[in-house]
């Protein structure tokens, strides 16, 4: 939601950048939801978490581009990076310990 709020201030000409960052950020939680429903199948569970991890890192790239274009401040970029560091850390932990999360 924070990315949604921040991208509302981007210039209209940056519709492509806004679309990309919103798509990747929303995909993180969607893939986590899919992973949760796939927890009966360990390989699918890990695959969806891996997709979420990839989308989270892609979002960080778009955040950096937005800051370099002057649409985000360094402080806003740092805030988002810190949030995604936590998300990525949790995803890596869940992937590494998938047996603790899957249904046997």
PDB file of N, CA and C in Angstrom:
ATOM      1  N   UNK A   1       0.829  -1.192   0.000  1.00  0.00           N
ATOM      2  CA  UNK A   1       0.000   0.000   0.000  1.00  0.00           C
ATOM      3  C   UNK A   1       0.874   1.257   0.000  1.00  0.00           C
ATOM      4  N   UNK A   2       2.021   1.173   0.658  1.00  0.00           N
ATOM      5  CA  UNK A   2       2.914   2.340   0.674  1.00  0.00           C
ATOM      6  C   UNK A   2       3.387   2.668  -0.742  1.00  0.00           C
ATOM      7  N   UNK A   3       3.715   1.662  -1.523  1.00  0.00           N
ATOM      8  CA  UNK A   3       4.138   1.900  -2.903  1.00  0.00           C
ATOM      9  C   UNK A   3       2.991   2.520  -3.695  1.00  0.00           C
ATOM     10  N   UNK A   4       1.788   2.052  -3.486  1.00  0.00           N
ATOM     11  CA  UNK A   4       0.617   2.628  -4.153  1.00  0.00           C
ATOM     12  C   UNK A   4       0.496   4.111  -3.814  1.00  0.00           C
ATOM     13  N   UNK A   5       0.628   4.431  -2.534  1.00  0.00           N
ATOM     14  CA  UNK A   5       0.535   5.833  -2.104  1.00  0.00           C
ATOM     15  C   UNK A   5       1.613   6.685  -2.766  1.00  0.00           C
ATOM     16  N   UNK A   6       2.835   6.185  -2.765  1.00  0.00           N
ATOM     17  CA  UNK A   6       3.943   6.962  -3.316  1.00  0.00           C
ATOM     18  C   UNK A   6       3.843   7.130  -4.827  1.00  0.00           C
ATOM     19  N   UNK A   7       3.405   6.102  -5.525  1.00  0.00           N
ATOM     20  CA  UNK A   7       3.337   6.199  -6.989  1.00  0.00           C
ATOM     21  C   UNK A   7       2.219   7.129  -7.453  1.00  0.00           C
ATOM     22  N   UNK A   8       1.278   7.438  -6.578  1.00  0.00           N
ATOM     23  CA  UNK A   8       0.228   8.406  -6.932  1.00  0.00           C
ATOM     24  C   UNK A   8       0.803   9.795  -7.183  1.00  0.00           C
ATOM     25  N   UNK A   9       2.027  10.036  -6.710  1.00  0.00           N
ATOM     26  CA  UNK A   9       2.659  11.345  -6.900  1.00  0.00           C
ATOM     27  C   UNK A   9       3.559  11.379  -8.137  1.00  0.00           C
ATOM     28  N   UNK A  10       3.751  10.257  -8.793  1.00  0.00           N
ATOM     29  CA  UNK A  10       4.623  10.205  -9.970  1.00  0.00           C
ATOM     30  C   UNK A  10       3.948  10.949 -11.134  1.00  0.00           C
ATOM     31  N   UNK A  11       4.748  11.506 -12.039  1.00  0.00           N
ATOM     32  CA  UNK A  11       4.151  12.172 -13.216  1.00  0.00           C
ATOM     33  C   UNK A  11       3.351  11.179 -14.065  1.00  0.00           C
ATOM     34  N   UNK A  12       2.302  11.667 -14.694  1.00  0.00           N
ATOM     35  CA  UNK A  12       1.450  10.820 -15.541  1.00  0.00           C
ATOM     36  C   UNK A  12       2.241  10.157 -16.666  1.00  0.00           C
ATOM     37  N   UNK A  13       3.269  10.833 -17.150  1.00  0.00           N
ATOM     38  CA  UNK A  13       4.066  10.271 -18.251  1.00  0.00           C
ATOM     39  C   UNK A  13       4.778   8.981 -17.849  1.00  0.00           C
ATOM     40  N   UNK A  14       4.878   8.727 -16.545  1.00  0.00           N
ATOM     41  CA  UNK A  14       5.564   7.528 -16.046  1.00  0.00           C
ATOM     42  C   UNK A  14       4.595   6.387 -15.778  1.00  0.00           C
ATOM     43  N   UNK A  15       3.535   6.307 -16.555  1.00  0.00           N
ATOM     44  CA  UNK A  15       2.544   5.241 -16.364  1.00  0.00           C
ATOM     45  C   UNK A  15       3.176   3.855 -16.456  1.00  0.00           C
ATOM     46  N   UNK A  16       4.194   3.705 -17.291  1.00  0.00           N
ATOM     47  CA  UNK A  16       4.847   2.401 -17.438  1.00  0.00           C
ATOM     48  C   UNK A  16       5.611   2.022 -16.168  1.00  0.00           C
ATOM     49  N   UNK A  17       6.346   2.971 -15.616  1.00  0.00           N
ATOM     50  CA  UNK A  17       7.077   2.724 -14.365  1.00  0.00           C
ATOM     51  C   UNK A  17       6.100   2.421 -13.233  1.00  0.00           C
ATOM     52  N   UNK A  18       5.040   3.194 -13.154  1.00  0.00           N
ATOM     53  CA  UNK A  18       4.025   2.968 -12.111  1.00  0.00           C
ATOM     54  C   UNK A  18       3.412   1.582 -12.273  1.00  0.00           C
ATOM     55  N   UNK A  19       3.078   1.227 -13.499  1.00  0.00           N
ATOM     56  CA  UNK A  19       2.499  -0.086 -13.757  1.00  0.00           C
ATOM     57  C   UNK A  19       3.453  -1.200 -13.327  1.00  0.00           C
ATOM     58  N   UNK A  20       4.717  -1.085 -13.663  1.00  0.00           N
ATOM     59  CA  UNK A  20       5.694  -2.124 -13.340  1.00  0.00           C
ATOM     60  C   UNK A  20       5.890  -2.277 -11.829  1.00  0.00           C
ATOM     61  N   UNK A  21       6.049  -1.156 -11.142  1.00  0.00           N
ATOM     62  CA  UNK A  21       6.312  -1.244  -9.695  1.00  0.00           C
ATOM     63  C   UNK A  21       5.072  -1.732  -8.948  1.00  0.00           C
ATOM     64  N   UNK A  22       3.889  -1.303  -9.404  1.00  0.00           N
ATOM     65  CA  UNK A  22       2.666  -1.803  -8.759  1.00  0.00           C
ATOM     66  C   UNK A  22       2.471  -3.289  -9.041  1.00  0.00           C
ATOM     67  N   UNK A  23       2.718  -3.687 -10.279  1.00  0.00           N
ATOM     68  CA  UNK A  23       2.549  -5.096 -10.646  1.00  0.00           C
ATOM     69  C   UNK A  23       3.475  -5.983  -9.827  1.00  0.00           C
ATOM     70  N   UNK A  24       4.755  -5.629  -9.752  1.00  0.00           N
ATOM     71  CA  UNK A  24       5.695  -6.490  -9.026  1.00  0.00           C
ATOM     72  C   UNK A  24       5.416  -6.487  -7.527  1.00  0.00           C
ATOM     73  N   UNK A  25       5.080  -5.324  -6.963  1.00  0.00           N
ATOM     74  CA  UNK A  25       4.823  -5.280  -5.519  1.00  0.00           C
ATOM     75  C   UNK A  25       3.572  -6.070  -5.145  1.00  0.00           C
ATOM     76  N   UNK A  26       2.541  -5.994  -5.971  1.00  0.00           N
ATOM     77  CA  UNK A  26       1.316  -6.754  -5.704  1.00  0.00           C
ATOM     78  C   UNK A  26       1.522  -8.246  -5.916  1.00  0.00           C
ATOM     79  N   UNK A  27       2.412  -8.570  -6.812  1.00  0.00           N
ATOM     80  CA  UNK A  27       2.685  -9.975  -7.102  1.00  0.00           C
ATOM     81  C   UNK A  27       3.348 -10.676  -5.921  1.00  0.00           C
ATOM     82  N   UNK A  28       4.077  -9.927  -5.104  1.00  0.00           N
ATOM     83  CA  UNK A  28       4.729 -10.531  -3.928  1.00  0.00           C
ATOM     84  C   UNK A  28       3.686 -11.180  -3.036  1.00  0.00           C
ATOM     85  N   UNK A  29       2.695 -10.408  -2.623  1.00  0.00           N
ATOM     86  CA  UNK A  29       1.690 -10.964  -1.705  1.00  0.00           C
ATOM     87  C   UNK A  29       0.805 -11.992  -2.392  1.00  0.00           C
ATOM     88  N   UNK A  30       0.546 -11.822  -3.678  1.00  0.00           N
ATOM     89  CA  UNK A  30      -0.265 -12.809  -4.402  1.00  0.00           C
ATOM     90  C   UNK A  30       0.457 -14.154  -4.460  1.00  0.00           C
ATOM     91  N   UNK A  31       1.764 -14.133  -4.698  1.00  0.00           N
ATOM     92  CA  UNK A  31       2.531 -15.377  -4.744  1.00  0.00           C
ATOM     93  C   UNK A  31       2.644 -16.023  -3.367  1.00  0.00           C
ATOM     94  N   UNK A  32       2.727 -15.215  -2.327  1.00  0.00           N
ATOM     95  CA  UNK A  32       2.752 -15.776  -0.972  1.00  0.00           C
ATOM     96  C   UNK A  32       1.415 -16.456  -0.676  1.00  0.00           C
ATOM     97  N   UNK A  33       0.324 -15.834  -1.086  1.00  0.00           N
ATOM     98  CA  UNK A  33      -0.998 -16.447  -0.888  1.00  0.00           C
ATOM     99  C   UNK A  33      -1.105 -17.769  -1.647  1.00  0.00           C
ATOM    100  N   UNK A  34      -0.608 -17.784  -2.875  1.00  0.00           N
ATOM    101  CA  UNK A  34      -0.631 -19.026  -3.643  1.00  0.00           C
ATOM    102  C   UNK A  34       0.234 -20.092  -2.982  1.00  0.00           C
ATOM    103  N   UNK A  35       1.394 -19.678  -2.490  1.00  0.00           N
ATOM    104  CA  UNK A  35       2.277 -20.632  -1.814  1.00  0.00           C
ATOM    105  C   UNK A  35       1.577 -21.246  -0.613  1.00  0.00           C
ATOM    106  N   UNK A  36       0.885 -20.412   0.143  1.00  0.00           N
ATOM    107  CA  UNK A  36       0.203 -20.910   1.333  1.00  0.00           C
ATOM    108  C   UNK A  36      -0.835 -21.970   0.972  1.00  0.00           C
ATOM    109  N   UNK A  37      -1.560 -21.761  -0.123  1.00  0.00           N
ATOM    110  CA  UNK A  37      -2.550 -22.737  -0.554  1.00  0.00           C
ATOM    111  C   UNK A  37      -1.902 -23.984  -1.140  1.00  0.00           C
ATOM    112  N   UNK A  38      -0.647 -23.888  -1.547  1.00  0.00           N
ATOM    113  CA  UNK A  38       0.075 -25.022  -2.138  1.00  0.00           C
ATOM    114  C   UNK A  38       0.941 -25.753  -1.112  1.00  0.00           C
ATOM    115  N   UNK A  39       0.761 -25.456   0.152  1.00  0.00           N
ATOM    116  CA  UNK A  39       1.675 -26.025   1.153  1.00  0.00           C
ATOM    117  C   UNK A  39       1.534 -27.532   1.336  1.00  0.00           C
ATOM    118  N   UNK A  40       0.534 -28.126   0.718  1.00  0.00           N
ATOM    119  CA  UNK A  40       0.430 -29.592   0.719  1.00  0.00           C
ATOM    120  C   UNK A  40       1.436 -30.221  -0.244  1.00  0.00           C
ATOM    121  N   UNK A  41       1.959 -29.403  -1.136  1.00  0.00           N
ATOM    122  CA  UNK A  41       2.891 -29.863  -2.178  1.00  0.00           C
ATOM    123  C   UNK A  41       4.194 -29.083  -2.034  1.00  0.00           C
ATOM    124  N   UNK A  42       5.153 -29.638  -1.302  1.00  0.00           N
ATOM    125  CA  UNK A  42       6.375 -28.888  -0.973  1.00  0.00           C
ATOM    126  C   UNK A  42       7.074 -28.215  -2.160  1.00  0.00           C
ATOM    127  N   UNK A  43       7.174 -28.880  -3.289  1.00  0.00           N
ATOM    128  CA  UNK A  43       7.859 -28.274  -4.439  1.00  0.00           C
ATOM    129  C   UNK A  43       7.090 -27.057  -4.964  1.00  0.00           C
ATOM    130  N   UNK A  44       5.772 -27.147  -4.999  1.00  0.00           N
ATOM    131  CA  UNK A  44       4.965 -26.009  -5.447  1.00  0.00           C
ATOM    132  C   UNK A  44       5.043 -24.864  -4.449  1.00  0.00           C
ATOM    133  N   UNK A  45       5.027 -25.208  -3.173  1.00  0.00           N
ATOM    134  CA  UNK A  45       5.142 -24.209  -2.115  1.00  0.00           C
ATOM    135  C   UNK A  45       6.427 -23.406  -2.281  1.00  0.00           C
ATOM    136  N   UNK A  46       7.535 -24.099  -2.432  1.00  0.00           N
ATOM    137  CA  UNK A  46       8.833 -23.439  -2.589  1.00  0.00           C
ATOM    138  C   UNK A  46       8.865 -22.637  -3.891  1.00  0.00           C
ATOM    139  N   UNK A  47       8.295 -23.185  -4.943  1.00  0.00           N
ATOM    140  CA  UNK A  47       8.283 -22.489  -6.232  1.00  0.00           C
ATOM    141  C   UNK A  47       7.552 -21.149  -6.139  1.00  0.00           C
ATOM    142  N   UNK A  48       6.403 -21.132  -5.494  1.00  0.00           N
ATOM    143  CA  UNK A  48       5.642 -19.887  -5.365  1.00  0.00           C
ATOM    144  C   UNK A  48       6.351 -18.901  -4.451  1.00  0.00           C
ATOM    145  N   UNK A  49       6.999 -19.401  -3.394  1.00  0.00           N
ATOM    146  CA  UNK A  49       7.786 -18.502  -2.546  1.00  0.00           C
ATOM    147  C   UNK A  49       8.970 -17.932  -3.319  1.00  0.00           C
ATOM    148  N   UNK A  50       9.564 -18.737  -4.162  1.00  0.00           N
ATOM    149  CA  UNK A  50      10.658 -18.269  -5.009  1.00  0.00           C
ATOM    150  C   UNK A  50      10.168 -17.181  -5.970  1.00  0.00           C
ATOM    151  N   UNK A  51       8.977 -17.369  -6.513  1.00  0.00           N
ATOM    152  CA  UNK A  51       8.391 -16.333  -7.369  1.00  0.00           C
ATOM    153  C   UNK A  51       8.189 -15.039  -6.577  1.00  0.00           C
ATOM    154  N   UNK A  52       7.711 -15.150  -5.347  1.00  0.00           N
ATOM    155  CA  UNK A  52       7.515 -13.971  -4.502  1.00  0.00           C
ATOM    156  C   UNK A  52       8.852 -13.273  -4.232  1.00  0.00           C
ATOM    157  N   UNK A  53       9.884 -14.069  -3.989  1.00  0.00           N
ATOM    158  CA  UNK A  53      11.223 -13.519  -3.755  1.00  0.00           C
ATOM    159  C   UNK A  53      11.715 -12.745  -4.975  1.00  0.00           C
ATOM    160  N   UNK A  54      11.510 -13.312  -6.146  1.00  0.00           N
ATOM    161  CA  UNK A  54      11.921 -12.663  -7.394  1.00  0.00           C
ATOM    162  C   UNK A  54      11.170 -11.349  -7.593  1.00  0.00           C
ATOM    163  N   UNK A  55       9.881 -11.358  -7.352  1.00  0.00           N
ATOM    164  CA  UNK A  55       9.070 -10.148  -7.516  1.00  0.00           C
ATOM    165  C   UNK A  55       9.462  -9.074  -6.499  1.00  0.00           C
ATOM    166  N   UNK A  56       9.798  -9.491  -5.290  1.00  0.00           N
ATOM    167  CA  UNK A  56      10.232  -8.529  -4.269  1.00  0.00           C
ATOM    168  C   UNK A  56      11.525  -7.849  -4.695  1.00  0.00           C
ATOM    169  N   UNK A  57      12.445  -8.624  -5.225  1.00  0.00           N
ATOM    170  CA  UNK A  57      13.700  -8.029  -5.674  1.00  0.00           C
ATOM    171  C   UNK A  57      13.477  -7.139  -6.897  1.00  0.00           C
ATOM    172  N   UNK A  58      12.574  -7.540  -7.782  1.00  0.00           N
ATOM    173  CA  UNK A  58      12.237  -6.690  -8.931  1.00  0.00           C
ATOM    174  C   UNK A  58      11.658  -5.365  -8.452  1.00  0.00           C
ATOM    175  N   UNK A  59      10.824  -5.417  -7.447  1.00  0.00           N
ATOM    176  CA  UNK A  59      10.239  -4.192  -6.904  1.00  0.00           C
ATOM    177  C   UNK A  59      11.332  -3.258  -6.409  1.00  0.00           C
ATOM    178  N   UNK A  60      12.346  -3.816  -5.761  1.00  0.00           N
ATOM    179  CA  UNK A  60      13.459  -2.979  -5.286  1.00  0.00           C
ATOM    180  C   UNK A  60      14.177  -2.301  -6.450  1.00  0.00           C
ATOM    181  N   UNK A  61      14.284  -2.974  -7.573  1.00  0.00           N
ATOM    182  CA  UNK A  61      14.904  -2.355  -8.757  1.00  0.00           C
ATOM    183  C   UNK A  61      14.068  -1.161  -9.216  1.00  0.00           C
ATOM    184  N   UNK A  62      12.744  -1.339  -9.295  1.00  0.00           N
ATOM    185  CA  UNK A  62      11.878  -0.234  -9.714  1.00  0.00           C
ATOM    186  C   UNK A  62      11.924   0.916  -8.718  1.00  0.00           C
ATOM    187  N   UNK A  63      12.047   0.605  -7.435  1.00  0.00           N
ATOM    188  CA  UNK A  63      12.171   1.651  -6.415  1.00  0.00           C
ATOM    189  C   UNK A  63      13.449   2.456  -6.660  1.00  0.00           C
ATOM    190  N   UNK A  64      14.526   1.764  -6.930  1.00  0.00           N
ATOM    191  CA  UNK A  64      15.787   2.470  -7.201  1.00  0.00           C
ATOM    192  C   UNK A  64      15.663   3.347  -8.447  1.00  0.00           C
ATOM    193  N   UNK A  65      15.055   2.826  -9.489  1.00  0.00           N
ATOM    194  CA  UNK A  65      14.870   3.616 -10.712  1.00  0.00           C
ATOM    195  C   UNK A  65      14.022   4.854 -10.423  1.00  0.00           C
ATOM    196  N   UNK A  66      12.953   4.687  -9.654  1.00  0.00           N
ATOM    197  CA  UNK A  66      12.092   5.823  -9.307  1.00  0.00           C
ATOM    198  C   UNK A  66      12.865   6.877  -8.528  1.00  0.00           C
ATOM    199  N   UNK A  67      13.738   6.452  -7.628  1.00  0.00           N
ATOM    200  CA  UNK A  67      14.550   7.417  -6.880  1.00  0.00           C
ATOM    201  C   UNK A  67      15.542   8.112  -7.802  1.00  0.00           C
ATOM    202  N   UNK A  68      16.175   7.350  -8.688  1.00  0.00           N
ATOM    203  CA  UNK A  68      17.142   7.955  -9.626  1.00  0.00           C
ATOM    204  C   UNK A  68      16.475   8.944 -10.574  1.00  0.00           C
ATOM    205  N   UNK A  69      15.206   8.719 -10.869  1.00  0.00           N
ATOM    206  CA  UNK A  69      14.451   9.648 -11.720  1.00  0.00           C
ATOM    207  C   UNK A  69      13.964  10.867 -10.937  1.00  0.00           C
ATOM    208  N   UNK A  70      14.124  10.833  -9.624  1.00  0.00           N
ATOM    209  CA  UNK A  70      13.704  11.954  -8.792  1.00  0.00           C
ATOM    210  C   UNK A  70      12.274  11.884  -8.308  1.00  0.00           C
ATOM    211  N   UNK A  71      11.637  10.728  -8.449  1.00  0.00           N
ATOM    212  CA  UNK A  71      10.243  10.577  -8.028  1.00  0.00           C
ATOM    213  C   UNK A  71      10.116  10.136  -6.574  1.00  0.00           C
ATOM    214  N   UNK A  72      11.191   9.597  -6.022  1.00  0.00           N
ATOM    215  CA  UNK A  72      11.239   9.220  -4.609  1.00  0.00           C
ATOM    216  C   UNK A  72      12.455   9.886  -3.980  1.00  0.00           C
ATOM    217  N   UNK A  73      12.337  10.203  -2.715  1.00  0.00           N
ATOM    218  CA  UNK A  73      13.486  10.721  -1.979  1.00  0.00           C
ATOM    219  C   UNK A  73      14.369   9.551  -1.533  1.00  0.00           C
ATOM    220  N   UNK A  74      15.571   9.858  -1.127  1.00  0.00           N
ATOM    221  CA  UNK A  74      16.458   8.824  -0.589  1.00  0.00           C
ATOM    222  C   UNK A  74      15.816   8.189   0.639  1.00  0.00           C
ATOM    223  N   UNK A  75      15.153   8.998   1.452  1.00  0.00           N
ATOM    224  CA  UNK A  75      14.501   8.482   2.656  1.00  0.00           C
ATOM    225  C   UNK A  75      13.373   7.513   2.306  1.00  0.00           C
ATOM    226  N   UNK A  76      12.594   7.840   1.293  1.00  0.00           N
ATOM    227  CA  UNK A  76      11.519   6.942   0.869  1.00  0.00           C
ATOM    228  C   UNK A  76      12.093   5.643   0.303  1.00  0.00           C
ATOM    229  N   UNK A  77      13.160   5.771  -0.483  1.00  0.00           N
ATOM    230  CA  UNK A  77      13.814   4.574  -1.009  1.00  0.00           C
ATOM    231  C   UNK A  77      14.333   3.706   0.138  1.00  0.00           C
ATOM    232  N   UNK A  78      14.982   4.334   1.118  1.00  0.00           N
ATOM    233  CA  UNK A  78      15.500   3.578   2.272  1.00  0.00           C
ATOM    234  C   UNK A  78      14.382   2.883   3.034  1.00  0.00           C
ATOM    235  N   UNK A  79      13.257   3.570   3.199  1.00  0.00           N
ATOM    236  CA  UNK A  79      12.096   2.987   3.891  1.00  0.00           C
ATOM    237  C   UNK A  79      11.613   1.735   3.159  1.00  0.00           C
ATOM    238  N   UNK A  80      11.466   1.833   1.856  1.00  0.00           N
ATOM    239  CA  UNK A  80      10.986   0.698   1.071  1.00  0.00           C
ATOM    240  C   UNK A  80      12.013  -0.426   1.030  1.00  0.00           C
ATOM    241  N   UNK A  81      13.297  -0.067   0.897  1.00  0.00           N
ATOM    242  CA  UNK A  81      14.335  -1.094   0.903  1.00  0.00           C
ATOM    243  C   UNK A  81      14.339  -1.851   2.225  1.00  0.00           C
ATOM    244  N   UNK A  82      14.180  -1.127   3.331  1.00  0.00           N
ATOM    245  CA  UNK A  82      14.167  -1.781   4.642  1.00  0.00           C
ATOM    246  C   UNK A  82      12.988  -2.751   4.747  1.00  0.00           C
ATOM    247  N   UNK A  83      11.834  -2.334   4.264  1.00  0.00           N
ATOM    248  CA  UNK A  83      10.654  -3.212   4.300  1.00  0.00           C
ATOM    249  C   UNK A  83      10.884  -4.455   3.440  1.00  0.00           C
ATOM    250  N   UNK A  84      11.466  -4.262   2.266  1.00  0.00           N
ATOM    251  CA  UNK A  84      11.711  -5.408   1.387  1.00  0.00           C
ATOM    252  C   UNK A  84      12.854  -6.279   1.881  1.00  0.00           C
ATOM    253  N   UNK A  85      13.791  -5.717   2.614  1.00  0.00           N
ATOM    254  CA  UNK A  85      14.826  -6.549   3.250  1.00  0.00           C
ATOM    255  C   UNK A  85      14.181  -7.535   4.221  1.00  0.00           C
ATOM    256  N   UNK A  86      13.213  -7.063   4.981  1.00  0.00           N
ATOM    257  CA  UNK A  86      12.507  -7.928   5.929  1.00  0.00           C
ATOM    258  C   UNK A  86      11.716  -8.996   5.172  1.00  0.00           C
ATOM    259  N   UNK A  87      10.985  -8.572   4.155  1.00  0.00           N
ATOM    260  CA  UNK A  87      10.192  -9.516   3.361  1.00  0.00           C
ATOM    261  C   UNK A  87      11.090 -10.573   2.734  1.00  0.00           C
ATOM    262  N   UNK A  88      12.173 -10.129   2.103  1.00  0.00           N
ATOM    263  CA  UNK A  88      13.086 -11.075   1.453  1.00  0.00           C
ATOM    264  C   UNK A  88      13.709 -12.025   2.463  1.00  0.00           C
ATOM    265  N   UNK A  89      14.079 -11.508   3.622  1.00  0.00           N
ATOM    266  CA  UNK A  89      14.649 -12.360   4.665  1.00  0.00           C
ATOM    267  C   UNK A  89      13.671 -13.435   5.116  1.00  0.00           C
ATOM    268  N   UNK A  90      12.413 -13.055   5.279  1.00  0.00           N
ATOM    269  CA  UNK A  90      11.400 -14.017   5.697  1.00  0.00           C
ATOM    270  C   UNK A  90      11.145 -15.059   4.613  1.00  0.00           C
ATOM    271  N   UNK A  91      11.134 -14.618   3.362  1.00  0.00           N
ATOM    272  CA  UNK A  91      10.929 -15.565   2.266  1.00  0.00           C
ATOM    273  C   UNK A  91      12.076 -16.567   2.178  1.00  0.00           C
ATOM    274  N   UNK A  92      13.298 -16.083   2.288  1.00  0.00           N
ATOM    275  CA  UNK A  92      14.457 -16.986   2.250  1.00  0.00           C
ATOM    276  C   UNK A  92      14.389 -17.974   3.407  1.00  0.00           C
ATOM    277  N   UNK A  93      14.007 -17.495   4.579  1.00  0.00           N
ATOM    278  CA  UNK A  93      13.877 -18.373   5.742  1.00  0.00           C
ATOM    279  C   UNK A  93      12.811 -19.440   5.510  1.00  0.00           C
ATOM    280  N   UNK A  94      11.679 -19.041   4.942  1.00  0.00           N
ATOM    281  CA  UNK A  94      10.611 -20.007   4.674  1.00  0.00           C
ATOM    282  C   UNK A  94      11.030 -21.026   3.616  1.00  0.00           C
ATOM    283  N   UNK A  95      11.742 -20.564   2.601  1.00  0.00           N
ATOM    284  CA  UNK A  95      12.211 -21.483   1.563  1.00  0.00           C
ATOM    285  C   UNK A  95      13.224 -22.462   2.149  1.00  0.00           C
ATOM    286  N   UNK A  96      14.141 -21.950   2.946  1.00  0.00           N
ATOM    287  CA  UNK A  96      15.193 -22.787   3.535  1.00  0.00           C
ATOM    288  C   UNK A  96      14.648 -23.798   4.533  1.00  0.00           C
ATOM    289  N   UNK A  97      13.522 -23.466   5.157  1.00  0.00           N
ATOM    290  CA  UNK A  97      12.911 -24.337   6.159  1.00  0.00           C
ATOM    291  C   UNK A  97      11.500 -24.732   5.741  1.00  0.00           C
ATOM    292  N   UNK A  98      11.342 -25.042   4.481  1.00  0.00           N
ATOM    293  CA  UNK A  98      10.000 -25.300   3.948  1.00  0.00           C
ATOM    294  C   UNK A  98       9.290 -26.454   4.646  1.00  0.00           C
ATOM    295  N   UNK A  99      10.049 -27.401   5.176  1.00  0.00           N
ATOM    296  CA  UNK A  99       9.410 -28.541   5.877  1.00  0.00           C
ATOM    297  C   UNK A  99       8.637 -28.075   7.099  1.00  0.00           C
ATOM    298  N   UNK A 100       9.043 -26.947   7.685  1.00  0.00           N
ATOM    299  CA  UNK A 100       8.340 -26.417   8.847  1.00  0.00           C
ATOM    300  C   UNK A 100       7.012 -25.765   8.469  1.00  0.00           C
ATOM    301  N   UNK A 101       6.839 -25.462   7.189  1.00  0.00           N
ATOM    302  CA  UNK A 101       5.672 -24.735   6.738  1.00  0.00           C
ATOM    303  C   UNK A 101       4.696 -25.569   5.929  1.00  0.00           C
ATOM    304  N   UNK A 102       5.130 -26.697   5.430  1.00  0.00           N
ATOM    305  CA  UNK A 102       4.263 -27.504   4.584  1.00  0.00           C
ATOM    306  C   UNK A 102       3.451 -28.496   5.405  1.00  0.00           C
ATOM    307  N   UNK A 103       2.361 -28.934   4.814  1.00  0.00           N
ATOM    308  CA  UNK A 103       1.486 -29.918   5.453  1.00  0.00           C
ATOM    309  C   UNK A 103       1.996 -31.291   5.096  1.00  0.00           C
ATOM    310  N   UNK A 104       2.180 -32.119   6.111  1.00  0.00           N
ATOM    311  CA  UNK A 104       2.711 -33.470   5.883  1.00  0.00           C
ATOM    312  C   UNK A 104       1.597 -34.451   5.665  1.00  0.00           C
TER     313      UNK A 104
END
